[in-house]
Amino acid sequence: MQNQEHGRLLRVGRFSMPGHIYLVTCVVKDRQPIFNDFHIGRRVVREMRCLHDSGVVNSLAWVVMHDHLHWLFELRSGSLAALMQLLKGRSACGINKAFGSKTIEWQKGYYDHAVRTEKDLEVMARYVIANPVRAGLVTGEGEYPLWDSVWT
């Protein structure tokens, strides 16, 4: 019941509009570190790139950590809810098909933050890229394999 309430609270006051830039974080259910497996992480990356290539978003920066991802993008069409449903649904389907049923299940809901100023954009991009360093996974940003940014 607590998960349902948490997911509902994440949606309160949510607003999405094409042309705006958002930082989204979504987490694997029970924070299972399934992206320790590089190949599973690449499946999520493939779906983010597919959404970018199809024009739904313009990806600016992203990182896939062991149990969650951060994605900074400009929403080009649709809503955040529809986008996240596509990302989570397609990635889970592809991963579960390739690696066995129930390999991944995403936590309900997601966190989002709308970028309001150019200064916010720079801060958020740095936050995304530096995540593996802050987590102690690597000593330098370029050492981590599951990330990208239009600025580097």
N, C-alpha and C. Protein backbone atom coordinates (compact mmCIF):
# COMPACT_ATOMS: atom_id res chain seq x y z
N MET A 1 0.82 -1.19 0.00
CA MET A 1 0.00 0.00 0.00
C MET A 1 0.86 1.26 0.00
N GLN A 2 1.98 1.19 0.72
CA GLN A 2 2.86 2.35 0.80
C GLN A 2 3.42 2.72 -0.58
N ASN A 3 3.75 1.72 -1.42
CA ASN A 3 4.24 1.98 -2.77
C ASN A 3 3.21 2.70 -3.61
N GLN A 4 1.93 2.32 -3.49
CA GLN A 4 0.87 2.99 -4.24
C GLN A 4 0.75 4.44 -3.81
N GLU A 5 0.79 4.70 -2.51
CA GLU A 5 0.69 6.07 -2.00
C GLU A 5 1.90 6.89 -2.46
N HIS A 6 3.07 6.30 -2.42
CA HIS A 6 4.29 6.98 -2.86
C HIS A 6 4.18 7.37 -4.34
N GLY A 7 3.72 6.43 -5.17
CA GLY A 7 3.56 6.69 -6.60
C GLY A 7 2.55 7.80 -6.86
N ARG A 8 1.46 7.80 -6.11
CA ARG A 8 0.44 8.83 -6.27
C ARG A 8 1.00 10.19 -5.89
N LEU A 9 1.73 10.26 -4.80
CA LEU A 9 2.31 11.53 -4.36
C LEU A 9 3.31 12.08 -5.36
N LEU A 10 4.01 11.20 -6.08
CA LEU A 10 4.96 11.66 -7.10
C LEU A 10 4.25 12.37 -8.24
N ARG A 11 2.96 12.05 -8.47
CA ARG A 11 2.22 12.65 -9.57
C ARG A 11 1.55 13.97 -9.20
N VAL A 12 1.42 14.27 -7.91
CA VAL A 12 0.75 15.49 -7.48
C VAL A 12 1.49 16.71 -8.00
N GLY A 13 0.78 17.56 -8.71
CA GLY A 13 1.38 18.80 -9.21
C GLY A 13 2.28 18.63 -10.42
N ARG A 14 2.33 17.43 -10.98
CA ARG A 14 3.21 17.18 -12.13
C ARG A 14 2.65 17.87 -13.36
N PHE A 15 3.54 18.51 -14.08
CA PHE A 15 3.17 19.23 -15.29
C PHE A 15 4.22 18.92 -16.34
N SER A 16 3.79 18.59 -17.54
CA SER A 16 4.78 18.35 -18.60
C SER A 16 4.30 19.05 -19.87
N MET A 17 5.28 19.56 -20.60
CA MET A 17 4.94 20.28 -21.82
C MET A 17 6.09 20.14 -22.82
N PRO A 18 5.76 19.79 -24.05
CA PRO A 18 6.80 19.72 -25.08
C PRO A 18 7.55 21.05 -25.18
N GLY A 19 8.85 20.94 -25.40
CA GLY A 19 9.71 22.11 -25.50
C GLY A 19 10.42 22.44 -24.20
N HIS A 20 10.00 21.82 -23.09
CA HIS A 20 10.64 22.06 -21.81
C HIS A 20 11.69 20.98 -21.55
N ILE A 21 12.65 21.31 -20.71
CA ILE A 21 13.72 20.38 -20.36
C ILE A 21 13.47 19.84 -18.95
N TYR A 22 13.67 18.53 -18.81
CA TYR A 22 13.40 17.84 -17.55
C TYR A 22 14.56 16.95 -17.16
N LEU A 23 14.75 16.80 -15.86
CA LEU A 23 15.63 15.78 -15.31
C LEU A 23 14.73 14.75 -14.65
N VAL A 24 14.83 13.50 -15.11
CA VAL A 24 13.99 12.43 -14.60
C VAL A 24 14.87 11.37 -13.97
N THR A 25 14.41 10.83 -12.85
CA THR A 25 15.08 9.71 -12.19
C THR A 25 14.06 8.61 -12.02
N CYS A 26 14.42 7.40 -12.44
CA CYS A 26 13.55 6.25 -12.17
C CYS A 26 14.40 5.12 -11.61
N VAL A 27 13.75 4.32 -10.77
CA VAL A 27 14.44 3.34 -9.94
C VAL A 27 13.90 1.95 -10.22
N VAL A 28 14.79 0.97 -10.15
CA VAL A 28 14.40 -0.44 -10.27
C VAL A 28 13.69 -0.85 -8.98
N LYS A 29 12.64 -1.66 -9.12
CA LYS A 29 11.88 -2.10 -7.95
C LYS A 29 12.80 -2.76 -6.93
N ASP A 30 12.60 -2.40 -5.69
CA ASP A 30 13.39 -2.90 -4.56
C ASP A 30 14.87 -2.57 -4.71
N ARG A 31 15.18 -1.61 -5.57
CA ARG A 31 16.55 -1.14 -5.80
C ARG A 31 17.52 -2.29 -6.10
N GLN A 32 17.02 -3.26 -6.85
CA GLN A 32 17.87 -4.37 -7.28
C GLN A 32 18.96 -3.85 -8.22
N PRO A 33 20.22 -4.16 -7.97
CA PRO A 33 21.33 -3.62 -8.79
C PRO A 33 21.54 -4.38 -10.10
N ILE A 34 20.50 -4.49 -10.90
CA ILE A 34 20.60 -5.32 -12.11
C ILE A 34 21.47 -4.70 -13.19
N PHE A 35 21.68 -3.39 -13.12
CA PHE A 35 22.52 -2.75 -14.13
C PHE A 35 24.01 -2.92 -13.84
N ASN A 36 24.33 -3.70 -12.80
CA ASN A 36 25.72 -4.13 -12.63
C ASN A 36 26.14 -4.92 -13.86
N ASP A 37 25.16 -5.57 -14.47
CA ASP A 37 25.39 -6.29 -15.72
C ASP A 37 25.34 -5.26 -16.85
N PHE A 38 26.49 -4.99 -17.44
CA PHE A 38 26.63 -3.98 -18.49
C PHE A 38 25.64 -4.19 -19.63
N HIS A 39 25.42 -5.44 -20.02
CA HIS A 39 24.55 -5.73 -21.15
C HIS A 39 23.08 -5.40 -20.86
N ILE A 40 22.67 -5.59 -19.62
CA ILE A 40 21.32 -5.20 -19.24
C ILE A 40 21.20 -3.68 -19.26
N GLY A 41 22.20 -3.00 -18.74
CA GLY A 41 22.20 -1.54 -18.78
C GLY A 41 22.15 -1.00 -20.20
N ARG A 42 22.84 -1.64 -21.12
CA ARG A 42 22.82 -1.20 -22.52
C ARG A 42 21.44 -1.33 -23.15
N ARG A 43 20.63 -2.26 -22.67
CA ARG A 43 19.26 -2.39 -23.18
C ARG A 43 18.44 -1.14 -22.84
N VAL A 44 18.63 -0.61 -21.65
CA VAL A 44 17.94 0.63 -21.26
C VAL A 44 18.44 1.78 -22.12
N VAL A 45 19.75 1.84 -22.32
CA VAL A 45 20.34 2.88 -23.17
C VAL A 45 19.76 2.80 -24.58
N ARG A 46 19.60 1.61 -25.09
CA ARG A 46 19.03 1.41 -26.43
C ARG A 46 17.63 2.03 -26.51
N GLU A 47 16.83 1.86 -25.48
CA GLU A 47 15.48 2.43 -25.49
C GLU A 47 15.50 3.95 -25.39
N MET A 48 16.41 4.50 -24.59
CA MET A 48 16.53 5.96 -24.52
C MET A 48 16.94 6.51 -25.87
N ARG A 49 17.87 5.85 -26.53
CA ARG A 49 18.30 6.31 -27.86
C ARG A 49 17.19 6.18 -28.89
N CYS A 50 16.41 5.13 -28.79
CA CYS A 50 15.27 4.96 -29.70
C CYS A 50 14.28 6.11 -29.53
N LEU A 51 14.00 6.49 -28.31
CA LEU A 51 13.08 7.60 -28.05
C LEU A 51 13.67 8.92 -28.55
N HIS A 52 14.98 9.06 -28.45
CA HIS A 52 15.67 10.24 -28.98
C HIS A 52 15.57 10.25 -30.51
N ASP A 53 15.93 9.12 -31.13
CA ASP A 53 15.94 9.03 -32.60
C ASP A 53 14.55 9.19 -33.21
N SER A 54 13.52 8.80 -32.47
CA SER A 54 12.16 8.92 -32.99
C SER A 54 11.60 10.33 -32.81
N GLY A 55 12.33 11.20 -32.13
CA GLY A 55 11.90 12.58 -31.97
C GLY A 55 11.01 12.85 -30.77
N VAL A 56 10.81 11.86 -29.92
CA VAL A 56 10.00 12.08 -28.72
C VAL A 56 10.73 12.98 -27.73
N VAL A 57 12.05 12.80 -27.64
CA VAL A 57 12.89 13.62 -26.76
C VAL A 57 14.16 14.03 -27.49
N ASN A 58 14.81 15.02 -26.95
CA ASN A 58 16.17 15.37 -27.34
C ASN A 58 17.02 15.11 -26.10
N SER A 59 17.73 13.99 -26.09
CA SER A 59 18.54 13.62 -24.93
C SER A 59 19.72 14.56 -24.81
N LEU A 60 19.94 15.05 -23.57
CA LEU A 60 21.06 15.96 -23.31
C LEU A 60 22.15 15.29 -22.48
N ALA A 61 21.74 14.52 -21.48
CA ALA A 61 22.71 13.78 -20.65
C ALA A 61 21.95 12.66 -19.94
N TRP A 62 22.64 11.57 -19.70
CA TRP A 62 22.04 10.46 -18.97
C TRP A 62 23.12 9.61 -18.34
N VAL A 63 22.74 8.88 -17.30
CA VAL A 63 23.61 7.88 -16.69
C VAL A 63 22.71 6.77 -16.16
N VAL A 64 23.12 5.53 -16.42
CA VAL A 64 22.44 4.36 -15.88
C VAL A 64 23.31 3.83 -14.75
N MET A 65 22.84 4.00 -13.52
CA MET A 65 23.55 3.52 -12.35
C MET A 65 23.14 2.06 -12.09
N HIS A 66 23.59 1.49 -10.99
CA HIS A 66 23.33 0.06 -10.74
C HIS A 66 21.86 -0.26 -10.54
N ASP A 67 21.10 0.68 -9.97
CA ASP A 67 19.70 0.38 -9.67
C ASP A 67 18.75 1.51 -10.07
N HIS A 68 19.24 2.49 -10.82
CA HIS A 68 18.39 3.60 -11.24
C HIS A 68 19.04 4.31 -12.42
N LEU A 69 18.29 5.27 -12.99
CA LEU A 69 18.88 6.08 -14.05
C LEU A 69 18.47 7.53 -13.87
N HIS A 70 19.32 8.41 -14.37
CA HIS A 70 19.05 9.84 -14.45
C HIS A 70 19.09 10.21 -15.92
N TRP A 71 18.11 10.99 -16.36
CA TRP A 71 18.02 11.35 -17.78
C TRP A 71 17.60 12.80 -17.89
N LEU A 72 18.43 13.59 -18.51
CA LEU A 72 18.17 15.00 -18.76
C LEU A 72 17.83 15.14 -20.23
N PHE A 73 16.65 15.68 -20.53
CA PHE A 73 16.20 15.74 -21.92
C PHE A 73 15.22 16.88 -22.12
N GLU A 74 15.07 17.25 -23.40
CA GLU A 74 14.01 18.15 -23.81
C GLU A 74 12.86 17.29 -24.31
N LEU A 75 11.68 17.47 -23.74
CA LEU A 75 10.51 16.74 -24.19
C LEU A 75 10.05 17.36 -25.50
N ARG A 76 9.97 16.56 -26.54
CA ARG A 76 9.58 17.06 -27.86
C ARG A 76 8.11 16.82 -28.17
N SER A 77 7.56 15.71 -27.71
CA SER A 77 6.14 15.44 -27.96
C SER A 77 5.59 14.57 -26.84
N GLY A 78 4.29 14.62 -26.68
CA GLY A 78 3.64 13.82 -25.65
C GLY A 78 3.82 14.39 -24.26
N SER A 79 3.70 13.52 -23.28
CA SER A 79 3.80 13.91 -21.88
C SER A 79 4.90 13.11 -21.19
N LEU A 80 5.30 13.57 -20.03
CA LEU A 80 6.29 12.82 -19.24
C LEU A 80 5.75 11.43 -18.90
N ALA A 81 4.48 11.38 -18.53
CA ALA A 81 3.90 10.08 -18.17
C ALA A 81 3.96 9.10 -19.34
N ALA A 82 3.60 9.56 -20.52
CA ALA A 82 3.64 8.68 -21.70
C ALA A 82 5.08 8.28 -22.02
N LEU A 83 6.00 9.22 -21.92
CA LEU A 83 7.40 8.93 -22.18
C LEU A 83 7.94 7.88 -21.22
N MET A 84 7.68 8.07 -19.93
CA MET A 84 8.20 7.12 -18.95
C MET A 84 7.54 5.76 -19.09
N GLN A 85 6.27 5.74 -19.48
CA GLN A 85 5.62 4.46 -19.72
C GLN A 85 6.30 3.73 -20.89
N LEU A 86 6.63 4.49 -21.94
CA LEU A 86 7.33 3.89 -23.07
C LEU A 86 8.71 3.36 -22.65
N LEU A 87 9.48 4.19 -21.96
CA LEU A 87 10.83 3.78 -21.56
C LEU A 87 10.79 2.55 -20.67
N LYS A 88 10.00 2.61 -19.62
CA LYS A 88 9.95 1.50 -18.69
C LYS A 88 9.38 0.24 -19.33
N GLY A 89 8.28 0.40 -20.08
CA GLY A 89 7.65 -0.77 -20.70
C GLY A 89 8.53 -1.44 -21.73
N ARG A 90 9.07 -0.65 -22.64
CA ARG A 90 9.92 -1.22 -23.69
C ARG A 90 11.21 -1.81 -23.13
N SER A 91 11.82 -1.11 -22.18
CA SER A 91 13.08 -1.64 -21.64
C SER A 91 12.83 -2.92 -20.85
N ALA A 92 11.78 -2.94 -20.04
CA ALA A 92 11.48 -4.16 -19.28
C ALA A 92 11.16 -5.33 -20.20
N CYS A 93 10.37 -5.06 -21.23
CA CYS A 93 10.01 -6.12 -22.18
C CYS A 93 11.26 -6.66 -22.87
N GLY A 94 12.11 -5.77 -23.37
CA GLY A 94 13.33 -6.19 -24.06
C GLY A 94 14.30 -6.92 -23.16
N ILE A 95 14.49 -6.41 -21.95
CA ILE A 95 15.41 -7.04 -21.00
C ILE A 95 14.88 -8.40 -20.56
N ASN A 96 13.60 -8.46 -20.21
CA ASN A 96 13.03 -9.72 -19.74
C ASN A 96 13.02 -10.78 -20.84
N LYS A 97 12.81 -10.35 -22.07
CA LYS A 97 12.84 -11.30 -23.19
C LYS A 97 14.26 -11.82 -23.43
N ALA A 98 15.24 -10.93 -23.36
CA ALA A 98 16.63 -11.32 -23.63
C ALA A 98 17.29 -12.08 -22.48
N PHE A 99 16.94 -11.73 -21.24
CA PHE A 99 17.67 -12.27 -20.09
C PHE A 99 16.81 -13.15 -19.18
N GLY A 100 15.57 -13.35 -19.51
CA GLY A 100 14.70 -14.19 -18.69
C GLY A 100 13.60 -13.37 -18.07
N SER A 101 12.44 -13.98 -17.93
CA SER A 101 11.29 -13.25 -17.41
C SER A 101 11.57 -12.71 -16.01
N LYS A 102 11.05 -11.54 -15.75
CA LYS A 102 11.19 -10.84 -14.46
C LYS A 102 12.63 -10.52 -14.10
N THR A 103 13.48 -10.30 -15.10
CA THR A 103 14.83 -9.84 -14.82
C THR A 103 14.77 -8.43 -14.24
N ILE A 104 13.89 -7.61 -14.81
CA ILE A 104 13.73 -6.24 -14.31
C ILE A 104 12.26 -5.92 -14.12
N GLU A 105 12.01 -5.21 -13.06
CA GLU A 105 10.71 -4.60 -12.82
C GLU A 105 11.00 -3.21 -12.28
N TRP A 106 10.43 -2.20 -12.90
CA TRP A 106 10.66 -0.82 -12.47
C TRP A 106 9.76 -0.47 -11.28
N GLN A 107 10.28 0.35 -10.40
CA GLN A 107 9.47 0.90 -9.32
C GLN A 107 8.39 1.79 -9.93
N LYS A 108 7.22 1.83 -9.34
CA LYS A 108 6.16 2.70 -9.83
C LYS A 108 6.56 4.15 -9.64
N GLY A 109 6.15 4.98 -10.57
CA GLY A 109 6.45 6.41 -10.47
C GLY A 109 7.85 6.74 -10.91
N TYR A 110 8.18 8.00 -10.81
CA TYR A 110 9.50 8.52 -11.15
C TYR A 110 9.58 9.92 -10.60
N TYR A 111 10.77 10.41 -10.45
CA TYR A 111 10.99 11.77 -9.99
C TYR A 111 11.30 12.64 -11.21
N ASP A 112 10.77 13.83 -11.24
CA ASP A 112 11.09 14.73 -12.34
C ASP A 112 11.29 16.14 -11.79
N HIS A 113 12.13 16.87 -12.49
CA HIS A 113 12.38 18.26 -12.15
C HIS A 113 12.48 19.04 -13.45
N ALA A 114 11.68 20.07 -13.59
CA ALA A 114 11.73 20.91 -14.78
C ALA A 114 12.89 21.89 -14.65
N VAL A 115 13.63 22.04 -15.72
CA VAL A 115 14.74 22.98 -15.75
C VAL A 115 14.16 24.36 -16.04
N ARG A 116 14.50 25.32 -15.19
CA ARG A 116 13.91 26.64 -15.34
C ARG A 116 14.85 27.67 -15.96
N THR A 117 16.14 27.51 -15.72
CA THR A 117 17.10 28.49 -16.25
C THR A 117 18.28 27.78 -16.88
N GLU A 118 19.03 28.51 -17.67
CA GLU A 118 20.25 27.98 -18.29
C GLU A 118 21.23 27.52 -17.22
N LYS A 119 21.30 28.26 -16.12
CA LYS A 119 22.19 27.89 -15.01
C LYS A 119 21.77 26.55 -14.41
N ASP A 120 20.45 26.34 -14.25
CA ASP A 120 19.95 25.05 -13.75
C ASP A 120 20.35 23.90 -14.67
N LEU A 121 20.29 24.14 -15.96
CA LEU A 121 20.63 23.11 -16.94
C LEU A 121 22.07 22.65 -16.76
N GLU A 122 22.97 23.59 -16.61
CA GLU A 122 24.38 23.27 -16.43
C GLU A 122 24.60 22.48 -15.14
N VAL A 123 23.97 22.91 -14.07
CA VAL A 123 24.09 22.22 -12.78
C VAL A 123 23.56 20.80 -12.87
N MET A 124 22.41 20.64 -13.51
CA MET A 124 21.81 19.30 -13.63
C MET A 124 22.65 18.38 -14.51
N ALA A 125 23.18 18.90 -15.60
CA ALA A 125 24.03 18.07 -16.47
C ALA A 125 25.26 17.60 -15.70
N ARG A 126 25.86 18.47 -14.95
CA ARG A 126 27.03 18.08 -14.14
C ARG A 126 26.65 17.04 -13.10
N TYR A 127 25.49 17.22 -12.49
CA TYR A 127 25.00 16.25 -11.50
C TYR A 127 24.87 14.87 -12.13
N VAL A 128 24.25 14.80 -13.29
CA VAL A 128 24.04 13.52 -13.98
C VAL A 128 25.37 12.85 -14.30
N ILE A 129 26.25 13.58 -14.91
CA ILE A 129 27.52 13.02 -15.36
C ILE A 129 28.41 12.58 -14.20
N ALA A 130 28.36 13.31 -13.10
CA ALA A 130 29.24 13.01 -11.96
C ALA A 130 28.69 11.94 -11.02
N ASN A 131 27.52 11.43 -11.28
CA ASN A 131 26.90 10.44 -10.41
C ASN A 131 27.80 9.24 -10.10
N PRO A 132 28.40 8.59 -11.08
CA PRO A 132 29.25 7.43 -10.78
C PRO A 132 30.47 7.79 -9.94
N VAL A 133 30.99 9.00 -10.10
CA VAL A 133 32.14 9.44 -9.30
C VAL A 133 31.69 9.63 -7.85
N ARG A 134 30.56 10.32 -7.65
CA ARG A 134 30.05 10.55 -6.29
C ARG A 134 29.73 9.23 -5.60
N ALA A 135 29.29 8.24 -6.36
CA ALA A 135 28.95 6.93 -5.79
C ALA A 135 30.20 6.09 -5.50
N GLY A 136 31.37 6.57 -5.92
CA GLY A 136 32.61 5.84 -5.68
C GLY A 136 32.83 4.68 -6.64
N LEU A 137 32.11 4.66 -7.75
CA LEU A 137 32.25 3.57 -8.71
C LEU A 137 33.48 3.74 -9.60
N VAL A 138 33.84 4.99 -9.84
CA VAL A 138 35.01 5.33 -10.67
C VAL A 138 35.65 6.58 -10.09
N THR A 139 36.87 6.87 -10.53
CA THR A 139 37.54 8.08 -10.05
C THR A 139 37.38 9.24 -11.03
N GLY A 140 37.04 8.94 -12.29
CA GLY A 140 36.84 9.97 -13.29
C GLY A 140 35.60 9.69 -14.11
N GLU A 141 34.94 10.75 -14.56
CA GLU A 141 33.67 10.61 -15.28
C GLU A 141 33.79 9.73 -16.52
N GLY A 142 34.86 9.84 -17.27
CA GLY A 142 35.01 9.09 -18.50
C GLY A 142 35.23 7.61 -18.30
N GLU A 143 35.46 7.17 -17.07
CA GLU A 143 35.73 5.76 -16.80
C GLU A 143 34.46 4.92 -16.73
N TYR A 144 33.34 5.52 -16.48
CA TYR A 144 32.09 4.79 -16.32
C TYR A 144 31.47 4.53 -17.69
N PRO A 145 31.02 3.30 -17.97
CA PRO A 145 30.58 2.98 -19.34
C PRO A 145 29.14 3.37 -19.70
N LEU A 146 28.25 3.56 -18.74
CA LEU A 146 26.84 3.77 -19.06
C LEU A 146 26.41 5.21 -18.84
N TRP A 147 26.95 6.11 -19.64
CA TRP A 147 26.57 7.51 -19.57
C TRP A 147 26.86 8.18 -20.90
N ASP A 148 26.27 9.35 -21.09
CA ASP A 148 26.58 10.17 -22.26
C ASP A 148 26.06 11.57 -22.01
N SER A 149 26.59 12.51 -22.76
CA SER A 149 26.18 13.90 -22.66
C SER A 149 26.50 14.60 -23.97
N VAL A 150 25.65 15.53 -24.38
CA VAL A 150 25.90 16.28 -25.61
C VAL A 150 27.06 17.26 -25.43
N TRP A 151 27.45 17.53 -24.20
CA TRP A 151 28.51 18.51 -23.95
C TRP A 151 29.89 17.91 -23.88
N THR A 152 30.01 16.60 -23.93
CA THR A 152 31.35 15.99 -23.83
C THR A 152 31.62 15.12 -25.03
